[in-house]
Amino acid sequence: SGESGAGKTESTKLLLQHIMNLCKGNSQLEQQILQVNPLLEAFGNAQTVMNDNSSRFGKYIQLHFHKNTVRGAKLSEYLLEKSRVVQQDTGERNFHIFYYMCAGLSSEKKEMYGLLDPSLYRYISGRFGTQDVAQRWKHKYQEVCNALDMVGFQEQEQVDMQAILAGVLSLGNVTFEPEESNGSVKVSEASQGWLKAAAVNADVLSQLVCCVPCSPWSPLVSCCCSLCADARDSIAKVAYGRVFGWIVCKINELLAENVDPEVELREIGILDIFGFENFAVNRFEQLCINLANEQLQHFFNHHIFQLEQAAYKEEELPWETITFNNNEPILNLLLAKPLGLLSLLDEQSAFPQATDKTFVDKLNSSFKGNLHFQPGRGRVLGFSIIHYAGKV
């Protein structure tokens, strides 16, 4: 555990290398397991203002052993930050793989995928950097391809995967305008090319995103176009999330143990999560990430302090009691039902007339006097949580 950039992912890689070395083997399975981390980093990590290689998802790697030999592995992924696909804050980038593809694909492959100059794509905001950076990304792209080959992905699977990612970038450039004849919204003429590049069937995709009735004389035309843009971004996020989930499922298929079901396997599990975050503006993702860190902190407190000290006391060993900050009240603030923060968010989300303000007002009234909750100052629609690691 630790802050973003503390070294959790690097430690995970070193741990895996060390364990594989202790197995004293050099089998293909062991090499495949070592390639899992750099492969998932390309699709699940991104540059943030705190860390150039920040994990934007959590992963749990289970290594299965028999007689000191690794026989298989299983991977679980949690809470991929899909919103990053469609929007990044100042000084931040999208997931690495988009930049690696733009830098590493040959001209022929780019033409095959319909991939154009990276500066044209809204989802990566033209943030491509210097020639040196592009060269480094080109090298990283080759590493990803080698990892895909090593783990066991077929060539056609790799082609399909990259075609979807190129389609996601094109989808981000689709814009909308009112249809004057029937008062609906349509894909703008200027972005018809992007729509065709994004979909196998452009008509079906167009119907999916242009499902909001609209009058060209209504003041809500811009609102309808905005709703269509939200639908477009939602499809992009889901598509990327499905690709990521498919990669994890495929890895699990390829690394599954091939042993007699009667054989008892031992297990080592390594959990590598997103680090505690505190930005100038903290959104729902940061709340979820910091909640996960709070839960881990509570787990450590319980096992390292409470259970250990109870064992020492039971065995009547000499022991000087260690005091620690119990963060259970913060977890109750966030998770309690029916009056925890997340329960109140669920409740407000179900009300048709609810707004950001009604949600914040509800929090302010529900948690008045709570030592771990601080209302926003002035007219800012926000609030602060006093976490174990600081105020966010």
Protein backbone atom coordinates (compact mmCIF):
# COMPACT_ATOMS: atom_id res chain seq x y z
CA SER A 1 0.00 0.00 0.00
CA GLY A 2 1.02 3.66 -0.12
CA GLU A 3 0.54 6.89 -2.03
CA SER A 4 0.44 7.02 -5.79
CA GLY A 5 4.06 6.73 -6.91
CA ALA A 6 5.28 5.03 -3.71
CA GLY A 7 6.56 2.01 -5.66
CA LYS A 8 3.79 -0.62 -5.30
CA THR A 9 3.77 -1.75 -8.94
CA GLU A 10 7.57 -1.87 -9.16
CA SER A 11 7.67 -3.88 -5.92
CA THR A 12 5.11 -6.29 -7.39
CA LYS A 13 7.32 -6.88 -10.42
CA LEU A 14 10.39 -7.46 -8.22
CA LEU A 15 8.44 -9.84 -5.99
CA LEU A 16 7.31 -11.86 -9.00
CA GLN A 17 10.87 -12.00 -10.38
CA HIS A 18 12.18 -13.11 -6.98
CA ILE A 19 9.52 -15.83 -6.59
CA MET A 20 10.12 -17.14 -10.10
CA ASN A 21 13.88 -17.20 -9.38
CA LEU A 22 13.31 -19.16 -6.15
CA CYS A 23 11.41 -21.77 -8.19
CA LYS A 24 14.80 -22.43 -9.86
CA GLY A 25 13.08 -22.97 -13.16
CA ASN A 26 12.99 -21.28 -16.52
CA SER A 27 9.80 -22.75 -17.93
CA GLN A 28 7.60 -21.00 -20.44
CA LEU A 29 4.89 -20.58 -17.78
CA GLU A 30 7.25 -18.65 -15.50
CA GLN A 31 8.26 -16.34 -18.35
CA GLN A 32 4.60 -15.81 -19.23
CA ILE A 33 3.79 -14.81 -15.64
CA LEU A 34 6.62 -12.26 -15.66
CA GLN A 35 5.16 -10.68 -18.82
CA VAL A 36 1.71 -10.13 -17.25
CA ASN A 37 2.67 -6.95 -15.33
CA PRO A 38 4.23 -4.96 -18.22
CA LEU A 39 1.36 -6.06 -20.46
CA LEU A 40 -1.35 -4.84 -18.07
CA GLU A 41 0.58 -1.64 -17.35
CA ALA A 42 0.26 -0.64 -21.01
CA PHE A 43 -3.55 -0.97 -20.91
CA GLY A 44 -4.26 -0.03 -17.28
CA ASN A 45 -1.64 2.58 -16.33
CA ALA A 46 -1.34 6.25 -17.29
CA GLN A 47 0.60 9.42 -16.56
CA THR A 48 -0.89 11.57 -13.79
CA VAL A 49 0.44 14.72 -12.14
CA MET A 50 1.76 12.52 -9.31
CA ASN A 51 3.22 9.58 -11.23
CA ASP A 52 4.31 8.91 -14.82
CA ASN A 53 3.22 5.27 -14.56
CA SER A 54 0.22 5.38 -12.25
CA SER A 55 -1.90 2.21 -11.87
CA ARG A 56 -5.46 3.17 -12.80
CA PHE A 57 -6.86 -0.19 -11.68
CA GLY A 58 -6.24 -2.73 -8.93
CA LYS A 59 -4.95 -6.23 -9.57
CA TYR A 60 -4.61 -9.40 -7.53
CA ILE A 61 -2.25 -12.10 -8.82
CA GLN A 62 -2.68 -15.62 -7.42
CA LEU A 63 0.30 -17.94 -8.02
CA HIS A 64 -0.39 -21.67 -7.64
CA PHE A 65 2.42 -24.05 -6.65
CA HIS A 66 3.03 -27.79 -6.34
CA LYS A 67 6.27 -29.04 -4.80
CA ASN A 68 7.95 -25.61 -5.10
CA THR A 69 7.12 -25.39 -8.79
CA VAL A 70 4.70 -22.80 -10.14
CA ARG A 71 1.88 -24.60 -11.94
CA GLY A 72 -0.45 -21.74 -12.87
CA ALA A 73 -1.66 -18.23 -12.12
CA LYS A 74 -4.92 -16.33 -11.94
CA LEU A 75 -5.48 -12.58 -12.23
CA SER A 76 -8.33 -10.42 -10.88
CA GLU A 77 -8.79 -6.75 -11.84
CA TYR A 78 -10.74 -4.08 -10.00
CA LEU A 79 -12.17 -0.64 -10.70
CA LEU A 80 -10.51 0.32 -13.99
CA GLU A 81 -10.64 4.13 -14.31
CA LYS A 82 -12.64 4.10 -17.58
CA SER A 83 -13.43 7.83 -17.37
CA ARG A 84 -9.77 8.47 -18.31
CA VAL A 85 -10.52 7.17 -21.83
CA VAL A 86 -12.66 10.22 -22.62
CA GLN A 87 -11.22 12.95 -20.36
CA GLN A 88 -7.88 13.72 -18.73
CA ASP A 89 -7.00 16.59 -16.42
CA THR A 90 -4.29 19.13 -17.23
CA GLY A 91 -0.84 17.55 -17.20
CA GLU A 92 -2.25 14.02 -17.46
CA ARG A 93 -2.53 11.50 -20.27
CA ASN A 94 -4.81 8.72 -21.44
CA PHE A 95 -3.87 5.06 -20.98
CA HIS A 96 -0.35 4.28 -22.26
CA ILE A 97 -1.46 1.92 -25.04
CA PHE A 98 -2.98 4.70 -27.17
CA TYR A 99 0.38 6.53 -27.32
CA TYR A 100 2.35 3.32 -27.82
CA MET A 101 0.17 2.42 -30.82
CA CYS A 102 0.45 5.87 -32.40
CA ALA A 103 4.25 5.78 -32.04
CA GLY A 104 4.92 2.11 -32.74
CA LEU A 105 2.61 1.03 -35.56
CA SER A 106 4.03 1.02 -39.08
CA SER A 107 2.47 3.26 -41.74
CA GLU A 108 0.84 0.20 -43.33
CA LYS A 109 -0.70 -0.92 -40.04
CA LYS A 110 -1.92 2.60 -39.26
CA GLU A 111 -3.65 2.70 -42.64
CA MET A 112 -5.21 -0.71 -41.96
CA TYR A 113 -6.61 0.51 -38.62
CA GLY A 114 -7.59 3.94 -39.98
CA LEU A 115 -5.23 5.57 -37.48
CA LEU A 116 -4.23 9.15 -38.35
CA ASP A 117 -1.91 11.76 -36.81
CA PRO A 118 -2.30 11.61 -32.98
CA SER A 119 -2.73 15.40 -32.75
CA LEU A 120 -6.16 14.97 -34.43
CA TYR A 121 -7.72 12.87 -31.69
CA ARG A 122 -9.74 14.55 -28.96
CA TYR A 123 -9.32 11.64 -26.53
CA ILE A 124 -5.54 12.12 -26.46
CA SER A 125 -5.75 15.90 -26.88
CA GLY A 126 -2.70 16.05 -29.15
CA ARG A 127 -0.44 15.57 -26.10
CA PHE A 128 2.24 13.60 -27.86
CA GLY A 129 5.44 15.18 -26.57
CA THR A 130 8.91 15.33 -28.10
CA GLN A 131 10.61 13.04 -30.62
CA ASP A 132 12.53 11.38 -27.78
CA VAL A 133 9.29 10.58 -25.99
CA ALA A 134 7.79 9.16 -29.21
CA GLN A 135 10.88 6.98 -29.65
CA ARG A 136 10.50 5.65 -26.12
CA TRP A 137 6.83 4.88 -26.78
CA LYS A 138 7.81 3.08 -29.98
CA HIS A 139 10.13 0.86 -27.94
CA LYS A 140 7.36 0.30 -25.38
CA TYR A 141 4.97 -0.73 -28.15
CA GLN A 142 7.41 -3.42 -29.23
CA GLU A 143 7.64 -4.62 -25.62
CA VAL A 144 3.83 -4.89 -25.48
CA CYS A 145 3.78 -6.90 -28.73
CA ASN A 146 6.50 -9.21 -27.37
CA ALA A 147 4.53 -9.66 -24.11
CA LEU A 148 1.33 -10.47 -26.04
CA ASP A 149 3.25 -13.07 -28.07
CA MET A 150 4.94 -14.51 -24.99
CA VAL A 151 1.73 -14.82 -22.96
CA GLY A 152 0.07 -16.54 -25.93
CA PHE A 153 -2.24 -14.08 -27.72
CA GLN A 154 -2.88 -15.07 -31.36
CA GLU A 155 -2.01 -12.61 -34.14
CA GLN A 156 -5.66 -12.14 -35.17
CA GLU A 157 -6.63 -11.44 -31.56
CA GLN A 158 -4.00 -8.72 -31.39
CA VAL A 159 -5.22 -7.22 -34.67
CA ASP A 160 -8.86 -7.19 -33.48
CA MET A 161 -7.88 -5.63 -30.16
CA GLN A 162 -5.94 -2.79 -31.80
CA ALA A 163 -8.73 -2.22 -34.32
CA ILE A 164 -11.15 -1.62 -31.43
CA LEU A 165 -8.73 0.79 -29.72
CA ALA A 166 -8.27 2.75 -32.97
CA GLY A 167 -12.07 2.81 -33.30
CA VAL A 168 -12.39 4.23 -29.79
CA LEU A 169 -10.07 7.12 -30.72
CA SER A 170 -12.10 7.82 -33.89
CA LEU A 171 -15.37 7.68 -31.95
CA GLY A 172 -14.16 10.50 -29.72
CA ASN A 173 -14.08 12.84 -32.71
CA VAL A 174 -17.74 12.29 -33.65
CA THR A 175 -19.79 15.47 -33.09
CA PHE A 176 -23.50 16.26 -33.40
CA GLU A 177 -25.89 18.82 -34.85
CA PRO A 178 -29.69 19.27 -34.97
CA GLU A 179 -31.62 17.62 -37.82
CA GLU A 180 -33.71 20.48 -39.22
CA SER A 181 -36.31 18.33 -40.98
CA ASN A 182 -37.65 16.26 -38.05
CA GLY A 183 -36.35 17.90 -34.89
CA SER A 184 -33.88 15.18 -33.92
CA VAL A 185 -30.09 15.09 -33.52
CA LYS A 186 -27.72 13.68 -36.13
CA VAL A 187 -24.01 13.09 -36.51
CA SER A 188 -22.52 16.26 -38.00
CA GLU A 189 -21.52 16.18 -41.66
CA ALA A 190 -17.96 17.16 -40.70
CA SER A 191 -17.52 14.02 -38.57
CA GLN A 192 -19.11 11.39 -40.84
CA GLY A 193 -15.62 10.13 -41.69
CA TRP A 194 -14.81 9.61 -37.99
CA LEU A 195 -18.08 7.70 -37.54
CA LYS A 196 -17.23 5.34 -40.41
CA ALA A 197 -13.72 4.83 -39.02
CA ALA A 198 -15.15 3.99 -35.58
CA ALA A 199 -17.70 1.33 -36.54
CA VAL A 200 -18.24 -1.74 -38.68
CA ASN A 201 -21.85 -0.56 -39.11
CA ALA A 202 -21.95 3.24 -38.99
CA ASP A 203 -25.77 3.39 -39.21
CA VAL A 204 -26.25 1.25 -36.09
CA LEU A 205 -23.70 3.29 -34.11
CA SER A 206 -25.32 6.53 -35.30
CA GLN A 207 -28.72 5.32 -34.01
CA LEU A 208 -27.17 4.38 -30.67
CA VAL A 209 -25.73 7.82 -29.98
CA CYS A 210 -28.45 9.94 -31.67
CA CYS A 211 -31.39 8.70 -29.63
CA VAL A 212 -32.42 12.08 -28.15
CA PRO A 213 -35.48 13.80 -29.71
CA CYS A 214 -34.80 17.47 -30.35
CA SER A 215 -36.39 20.50 -31.95
CA PRO A 216 -34.22 22.86 -34.02
CA TRP A 217 -36.21 25.81 -32.65
CA SER A 218 -35.84 24.72 -29.04
CA PRO A 219 -33.31 26.35 -26.71
CA LEU A 220 -32.47 22.80 -25.59
CA VAL A 221 -30.79 21.87 -28.90
CA SER A 222 -27.32 22.26 -27.37
CA CYS A 223 -28.47 20.16 -24.41
CA CYS A 224 -29.61 17.34 -26.73
CA CYS A 225 -26.29 17.41 -28.58
CA SER A 226 -24.54 17.28 -25.21
CA LEU A 227 -26.56 14.19 -24.25
CA CYS A 228 -25.53 12.52 -27.51
CA ALA A 229 -21.88 13.36 -26.72
CA ASP A 230 -22.36 11.69 -23.32
CA ALA A 231 -23.76 8.59 -25.06
CA ARG A 232 -20.75 8.57 -27.41
CA ASP A 233 -18.32 8.80 -24.48
CA SER A 234 -20.19 6.06 -22.59
CA ILE A 235 -19.82 3.69 -25.55
CA ALA A 236 -16.09 4.51 -25.76
CA LYS A 237 -15.61 3.78 -22.04
CA VAL A 238 -17.54 0.51 -22.22
CA ALA A 239 -15.62 -0.61 -25.33
CA TYR A 240 -12.26 0.04 -23.66
CA GLY A 241 -13.40 -1.63 -20.44
CA ARG A 242 -14.50 -4.71 -22.39
CA VAL A 243 -11.14 -4.93 -24.17
CA PHE A 244 -9.34 -4.70 -20.83
CA GLY A 245 -11.59 -7.32 -19.25
CA TRP A 246 -11.11 -9.62 -22.25
CA ILE A 247 -7.31 -9.33 -21.94
CA VAL A 248 -7.51 -10.40 -18.27
CA CYS A 249 -9.83 -13.33 -19.09
CA LYS A 250 -7.52 -14.43 -21.90
CA ILE A 251 -4.47 -14.25 -19.60
CA ASN A 252 -6.30 -16.44 -17.08
CA GLU A 253 -7.10 -18.99 -19.80
CA LEU A 254 -3.49 -19.10 -20.95
CA LEU A 255 -1.98 -19.29 -17.44
CA ALA A 256 -4.47 -21.76 -15.92
CA GLU A 257 -2.89 -24.76 -14.19
CA ASN A 258 -2.99 -28.03 -16.09
CA VAL A 259 -2.82 -30.52 -13.22
CA ASP A 260 -4.88 -33.37 -11.79
CA PRO A 261 -7.82 -31.86 -9.79
CA GLU A 262 -6.86 -34.16 -6.90
CA VAL A 263 -3.46 -32.48 -6.55
CA GLU A 264 -3.42 -29.94 -3.71
CA LEU A 265 -1.91 -26.64 -4.80
CA ARG A 266 -0.37 -24.02 -2.50
CA GLU A 267 -0.93 -20.33 -3.23
CA ILE A 268 0.83 -16.98 -2.92
CA GLY A 269 -1.30 -13.91 -3.59
CA ILE A 270 0.03 -10.43 -4.43
CA LEU A 271 -2.30 -7.44 -4.33
CA ASP A 272 -1.23 -4.29 -6.20
CA ILE A 273 -3.77 -1.48 -5.92
CA PHE A 274 -4.03 2.12 -6.98
CA GLY A 275 -2.31 4.46 -4.51
CA PHE A 276 -3.92 7.00 -2.19
CA GLU A 277 -4.60 10.19 -4.18
CA ASN A 278 -5.15 13.85 -3.38
CA PHE A 279 -5.41 16.24 -6.34
CA ALA A 280 -6.51 19.86 -6.63
CA VAL A 281 -9.90 18.51 -7.78
CA ASN A 282 -10.86 15.04 -6.53
CA ARG A 283 -13.69 13.19 -8.27
CA PHE A 284 -15.58 9.95 -7.72
CA GLU A 285 -12.59 7.83 -8.85
CA GLN A 286 -10.40 9.36 -6.15
CA LEU A 287 -13.09 8.65 -3.54
CA CYS A 288 -13.22 4.97 -4.60
CA ILE A 289 -9.41 4.68 -4.70
CA ASN A 290 -9.03 6.26 -1.26
CA LEU A 291 -11.84 4.11 0.13
CA ALA A 292 -9.96 0.99 -1.06
CA ASN A 293 -6.85 2.30 0.71
CA GLU A 294 -8.88 2.93 3.89
CA GLN A 295 -10.13 -0.67 3.80
CA LEU A 296 -6.59 -2.00 3.38
CA GLN A 297 -5.39 0.22 6.23
CA HIS A 298 -8.14 -1.22 8.42
CA PHE A 299 -7.13 -4.76 7.39
CA PHE A 300 -3.50 -4.06 8.35
CA ASN A 301 -4.52 -2.48 11.66
CA HIS A 302 -6.70 -5.44 12.53
CA HIS A 303 -4.14 -8.14 11.65
CA ILE A 304 -0.88 -6.46 12.64
CA PHE A 305 -2.03 -4.73 15.82
CA GLN A 306 -5.27 -6.20 17.19
CA LEU A 307 -4.81 -9.90 16.36
CA GLU A 308 -1.04 -9.98 17.03
CA GLN A 309 -1.37 -8.22 20.35
CA ALA A 310 -4.22 -10.54 21.35
CA ALA A 311 -2.00 -13.55 20.54
CA TYR A 312 0.87 -12.15 22.66
CA LYS A 313 -1.52 -11.53 25.54
CA GLU A 314 -3.01 -15.03 25.29
CA GLU A 315 0.45 -16.63 25.33
CA GLU A 316 1.49 -14.34 28.21
CA LEU A 317 4.52 -13.04 26.35
CA PRO A 318 6.16 -9.79 27.46
CA TRP A 319 4.61 -7.07 25.36
CA GLU A 320 4.28 -3.31 25.42
CA THR A 321 0.90 -2.37 23.98
CA ILE A 322 1.07 -0.36 20.76
CA THR A 323 -1.60 2.28 20.24
CA PHE A 324 -2.83 3.00 16.73
CA ASN A 325 -5.43 5.15 15.01
CA ASN A 326 -8.49 3.03 14.31
CA ASN A 327 -9.98 4.22 11.01
CA GLU A 328 -13.28 2.37 11.42
CA PRO A 329 -15.24 5.66 11.86
CA ILE A 330 -14.09 6.78 8.38
CA LEU A 331 -15.23 3.47 6.87
CA ASN A 332 -18.60 3.87 8.61
CA LEU A 333 -18.91 7.41 7.26
CA LEU A 334 -18.40 6.09 3.72
CA LEU A 335 -20.01 2.62 3.83
CA ALA A 336 -22.69 2.56 6.56
CA LYS A 337 -26.27 1.79 5.49
CA PRO A 338 -28.63 3.55 5.12
CA LEU A 339 -26.84 6.80 6.06
CA GLY A 340 -23.31 6.32 4.72
CA LEU A 341 -21.98 8.60 1.99
CA LEU A 342 -22.27 5.97 -0.78
CA SER A 343 -25.80 4.98 0.34
CA LEU A 344 -26.84 8.65 0.22
CA LEU A 345 -25.32 8.93 -3.26
CA ASP A 346 -27.37 5.89 -4.38
CA GLU A 347 -30.49 7.45 -2.88
CA GLN A 348 -29.94 10.84 -4.55
CA SER A 349 -29.15 9.19 -7.89
CA ALA A 350 -32.61 7.57 -7.82
CA PHE A 351 -34.43 10.91 -7.42
CA PRO A 352 -35.37 12.48 -10.80
CA GLN A 353 -35.11 16.02 -9.41
CA ALA A 354 -31.81 15.52 -7.57
CA THR A 355 -28.82 17.73 -8.41
CA ASP A 356 -25.23 18.11 -7.26
CA LYS A 357 -26.47 20.70 -4.78
CA THR A 358 -29.18 18.50 -3.25
CA PHE A 359 -26.59 15.74 -2.80
CA VAL A 360 -24.07 18.04 -1.11
CA ASP A 361 -26.83 19.56 1.07
CA LYS A 362 -27.88 16.05 2.13
CA LEU A 363 -24.28 15.20 3.08
CA ASN A 364 -23.85 18.45 5.01
CA SER A 365 -27.00 17.82 7.07
CA SER A 366 -26.36 14.08 7.58
CA PHE A 367 -22.73 14.43 8.69
CA LYS A 368 -22.93 17.69 10.63
CA GLY A 369 -20.48 17.40 13.52
CA ASN A 370 -18.74 14.29 12.14
CA LEU A 371 -15.00 14.68 12.81
CA HIS A 372 -14.08 13.08 9.48
CA PHE A 373 -16.39 15.18 7.28
CA GLN A 374 -15.90 18.84 6.39
CA PRO A 375 -18.44 20.83 4.32
CA GLY A 376 -17.19 22.86 1.35
CA ARG A 377 -16.49 26.52 1.87
CA GLY A 378 -18.51 29.27 0.24
CA ARG A 379 -20.55 28.24 -2.80
CA VAL A 380 -18.24 25.44 -3.90
CA LEU A 381 -20.20 22.22 -4.46
CA GLY A 382 -17.78 19.95 -2.70
CA PHE A 383 -16.82 18.44 0.64
CA SER A 384 -13.74 17.03 2.35
CA ILE A 385 -13.08 13.65 3.97
CA ILE A 386 -10.41 13.54 6.71
CA HIS A 387 -8.71 10.24 5.73
CA TYR A 388 -6.03 8.44 7.72
CA ALA A 389 -3.52 9.79 5.18
CA GLY A 390 -4.83 13.36 5.17
CA LYS A 391 -7.72 15.59 4.14
CA VAL A 392 -9.07 15.17 0.61
